[in-house]
Amino acid sequence: MSQLVTYNGVVGYVLEERRVALGKDQAGLSKATGISQPVLSRLEKGKASITIDQLFVLCQALEIKPSELIIEAEDKVDGFNEFDAVDVKTTKEVGTGTALLTGAAIGAVLGVLLSKK
């Protein structure tokens, strides 16, 4: 049985990855963007869908263009799609109560899968 991840989860992982690479914590990012820390946490975990407004505000604070962030997410989805072990689905396709990969688990699985190339 394959692992499941949502597109929201992949985008959230890229946001978190970028935030950590810049040495920022969620509290600081919250202050810089006006997006509450609980909302940031839900976005990074893929538990909430990002709005266009949030995308642009976060990208500005994370010093990345929205298009670059989407390309990074797309590259990660492509990495998952190369293997049968992970299925990337929409939140609607997955439904509630389903175990999903989020956060660090996405990075760990990507690292293992891509090292097998």
C-alpha atoms as a PDB file:
ATOM      1  CA  MET A   1       0.000   0.000   0.000  1.00  0.00           C
ATOM      2  CA  SER A   2       1.382   3.382  -0.920  1.00  0.00           C
ATOM      3  CA  GLN A   3       1.765   6.404   1.297  1.00  0.00           C
ATOM      4  CA  LEU A   4      -0.482   9.393   0.657  1.00  0.00           C
ATOM      5  CA  VAL A   5       0.417  13.050   0.479  1.00  0.00           C
ATOM      6  CA  THR A   6      -1.698  15.969  -0.669  1.00  0.00           C
ATOM      7  CA  TYR A   7      -0.688  18.849  -2.884  1.00  0.00           C
ATOM      8  CA  ASN A   8      -1.326  21.052   0.170  1.00  0.00           C
ATOM      9  CA  GLY A   9       1.164  18.907   2.066  1.00  0.00           C
ATOM     10  CA  VAL A  10       3.817  19.320  -0.607  1.00  0.00           C
ATOM     11  CA  VAL A  11       3.362  23.111  -0.772  1.00  0.00           C
ATOM     12  CA  GLY A  12       3.426  23.251   3.033  1.00  0.00           C
ATOM     13  CA  TYR A  13       6.638  21.243   3.093  1.00  0.00           C
ATOM     14  CA  VAL A  14       8.267  23.656   0.620  1.00  0.00           C
ATOM     15  CA  LEU A  15       7.165  26.628   2.749  1.00  0.00           C
ATOM     16  CA  GLU A  16       8.590  25.044   5.885  1.00  0.00           C
ATOM     17  CA  GLU A  17      11.796  24.034   4.113  1.00  0.00           C
ATOM     18  CA  ARG A  18      12.301  27.603   2.899  1.00  0.00           C
ATOM     19  CA  ARG A  19      11.481  29.119   6.313  1.00  0.00           C
ATOM     20  CA  VAL A  20      13.955  26.833   8.084  1.00  0.00           C
ATOM     21  CA  ALA A  21      16.658  27.478   5.460  1.00  0.00           C
ATOM     22  CA  LEU A  22      16.334  31.202   6.175  1.00  0.00           C
ATOM     23  CA  GLY A  23      16.629  30.570   9.921  1.00  0.00           C
ATOM     24  CA  LYS A  24      13.157  31.915  10.660  1.00  0.00           C
ATOM     25  CA  ASP A  25      10.730  30.495  13.174  1.00  0.00           C
ATOM     26  CA  GLN A  26       6.965  30.450  12.827  1.00  0.00           C
ATOM     27  CA  ALA A  27       6.529  33.226  15.389  1.00  0.00           C
ATOM     28  CA  GLY A  28       8.800  35.576  13.446  1.00  0.00           C
ATOM     29  CA  LEU A  29       7.166  34.687  10.147  1.00  0.00           C
ATOM     30  CA  SER A  30       3.765  35.257  11.709  1.00  0.00           C
ATOM     31  CA  LYS A  31       4.793  38.707  12.854  1.00  0.00           C
ATOM     32  CA  ALA A  32       6.283  39.561   9.443  1.00  0.00           C
ATOM     33  CA  THR A  33       3.226  38.417   7.488  1.00  0.00           C
ATOM     34  CA  GLY A  34       0.272  39.035   9.779  1.00  0.00           C
ATOM     35  CA  ILE A  35      -0.689  35.361   9.395  1.00  0.00           C
ATOM     36  CA  SER A  36      -1.256  33.775  12.791  1.00  0.00           C
ATOM     37  CA  GLN A  37       1.193  31.127  13.983  1.00  0.00           C
ATOM     38  CA  PRO A  38      -1.542  28.448  14.217  1.00  0.00           C
ATOM     39  CA  VAL A  39      -2.515  29.132  10.585  1.00  0.00           C
ATOM     40  CA  LEU A  40       1.147  28.946   9.523  1.00  0.00           C
ATOM     41  CA  SER A  41       1.466  25.626  11.295  1.00  0.00           C
ATOM     42  CA  ARG A  42      -1.618  24.258   9.530  1.00  0.00           C
ATOM     43  CA  LEU A  43      -0.322  25.492   6.152  1.00  0.00           C
ATOM     44  CA  GLU A  44       3.094  23.907   6.685  1.00  0.00           C
ATOM     45  CA  LYS A  45       1.496  20.604   7.727  1.00  0.00           C
ATOM     46  CA  GLY A  46      -0.774  20.623   4.689  1.00  0.00           C
ATOM     47  CA  LYS A  47      -3.818  20.716   6.950  1.00  0.00           C
ATOM     48  CA  ALA A  48      -5.088  23.938   5.344  1.00  0.00           C
ATOM     49  CA  SER A  49      -5.208  25.222   1.794  1.00  0.00           C
ATOM     50  CA  ILE A  50      -3.123  28.295   1.096  1.00  0.00           C
ATOM     51  CA  THR A  51      -4.899  31.290  -0.399  1.00  0.00           C
ATOM     52  CA  ILE A  52      -3.367  33.399  -3.157  1.00  0.00           C
ATOM     53  CA  ASP A  53      -3.041  36.301  -0.696  1.00  0.00           C
ATOM     54  CA  GLN A  54      -1.231  34.090   1.817  1.00  0.00           C
ATOM     55  CA  LEU A  55       1.011  32.693  -0.927  1.00  0.00           C
ATOM     56  CA  PHE A  56       2.178  36.135  -2.026  1.00  0.00           C
ATOM     57  CA  VAL A  57       2.652  37.475   1.522  1.00  0.00           C
ATOM     58  CA  LEU A  58       4.570  34.376   2.626  1.00  0.00           C
ATOM     59  CA  CYS A  59       6.730  34.322  -0.476  1.00  0.00           C
ATOM     60  CA  GLN A  60       7.660  37.955   0.018  1.00  0.00           C
ATOM     61  CA  ALA A  61       8.710  37.236   3.615  1.00  0.00           C
ATOM     62  CA  LEU A  62      10.547  34.081   2.511  1.00  0.00           C
ATOM     63  CA  GLU A  63      12.375  35.934  -0.266  1.00  0.00           C
ATOM     64  CA  ILE A  64      11.072  33.728  -3.070  1.00  0.00           C
ATOM     65  CA  LYS A  65       8.740  34.356  -5.978  1.00  0.00           C
ATOM     66  CA  PRO A  66       5.421  32.495  -5.827  1.00  0.00           C
ATOM     67  CA  SER A  67       6.217  30.905  -9.189  1.00  0.00           C
ATOM     68  CA  GLU A  68       9.535  29.589  -7.820  1.00  0.00           C
ATOM     69  CA  LEU A  69       7.784  28.097  -4.807  1.00  0.00           C
ATOM     70  CA  ILE A  70       5.242  26.374  -7.056  1.00  0.00           C
ATOM     71  CA  ILE A  71       8.043  25.045  -9.281  1.00  0.00           C
ATOM     72  CA  GLU A  72       9.800  23.610  -6.208  1.00  0.00           C
ATOM     73  CA  ALA A  73       6.546  21.947  -5.152  1.00  0.00           C
ATOM     74  CA  GLU A  74       6.011  20.648  -8.681  1.00  0.00           C
ATOM     75  CA  ASP A  75       9.527  19.155  -8.701  1.00  0.00           C
ATOM     76  CA  LYS A  76       8.767  17.334  -5.454  1.00  0.00           C
ATOM     77  CA  VAL A  77       5.468  16.021  -6.842  1.00  0.00           C
ATOM     78  CA  ASP A  78       7.362  14.813  -9.927  1.00  0.00           C
ATOM     79  CA  GLY A  79       9.815  13.048  -7.610  1.00  0.00           C
ATOM     80  CA  PHE A  80       6.952  11.256  -5.871  1.00  0.00           C
ATOM     81  CA  ASN A  81       5.304  10.367  -9.166  1.00  0.00           C
ATOM     82  CA  GLU A  82       8.418   8.476 -10.262  1.00  0.00           C
ATOM     83  CA  PHE A  83       7.754   5.864  -7.584  1.00  0.00           C
ATOM     84  CA  ASP A  84       4.726   3.732  -6.763  1.00  0.00           C
ATOM     85  CA  ALA A  85       5.307   4.083  -3.026  1.00  0.00           C
ATOM     86  CA  VAL A  86       3.706   7.545  -2.763  1.00  0.00           C
ATOM     87  CA  ASP A  87       0.481   8.882  -4.255  1.00  0.00           C
ATOM     88  CA  VAL A  88      -0.110  12.621  -4.458  1.00  0.00           C
ATOM     89  CA  LYS A  89      -3.799  13.486  -4.302  1.00  0.00           C
ATOM     90  CA  THR A  90      -6.036  16.485  -3.800  1.00  0.00           C
ATOM     91  CA  THR A  91      -7.450  17.009  -0.336  1.00  0.00           C
ATOM     92  CA  LYS A  92     -10.905  16.187  -1.677  1.00  0.00           C
ATOM     93  CA  GLU A  93      -9.675  12.886  -3.159  1.00  0.00           C
ATOM     94  CA  VAL A  94      -8.085  11.861   0.131  1.00  0.00           C
ATOM     95  CA  GLY A  95     -10.987  12.817   2.407  1.00  0.00           C
ATOM     96  CA  THR A  96     -10.869  13.152   6.153  1.00  0.00           C
ATOM     97  CA  GLY A  97      -9.457  10.672   8.597  1.00  0.00           C
ATOM     98  CA  THR A  98      -6.836   9.351   6.178  1.00  0.00           C
ATOM     99  CA  ALA A  99      -3.235   9.012   7.343  1.00  0.00           C
ATOM    100  CA  LEU A 100      -1.094  11.403   5.308  1.00  0.00           C
ATOM    101  CA  LEU A 101       2.574  12.197   5.059  1.00  0.00           C
ATOM    102  CA  THR A 102       3.246  15.723   6.272  1.00  0.00           C
ATOM    103  CA  GLY A 103       6.179  17.945   7.180  1.00  0.00           C
ATOM    104  CA  ALA A 104       9.433  16.163   7.893  1.00  0.00           C
ATOM    105  CA  ALA A 105       7.976  12.829   6.761  1.00  0.00           C
ATOM    106  CA  ILE A 106       7.601  14.242   3.244  1.00  0.00           C
ATOM    107  CA  GLY A 107      11.245  15.286   3.252  1.00  0.00           C
ATOM    108  CA  ALA A 108      12.390  11.949   4.603  1.00  0.00           C
ATOM    109  CA  VAL A 109      10.479   9.951   2.008  1.00  0.00           C
ATOM    110  CA  LEU A 110      11.639  12.235  -0.802  1.00  0.00           C
ATOM    111  CA  GLY A 111      15.223  11.849   0.353  1.00  0.00           C
ATOM    112  CA  VAL A 112      15.008   8.050   0.380  1.00  0.00           C
ATOM    113  CA  LEU A 113      13.190   7.807  -2.944  1.00  0.00           C
ATOM    114  CA  LEU A 114      15.409  10.251  -4.789  1.00  0.00           C
ATOM    115  CA  SER A 115      18.571   8.587  -3.467  1.00  0.00           C
ATOM    116  CA  LYS A 116      17.445   5.398  -5.263  1.00  0.00           C
ATOM    117  CA  LYS A 117      17.716   7.048  -8.674  1.00  0.00           C
END
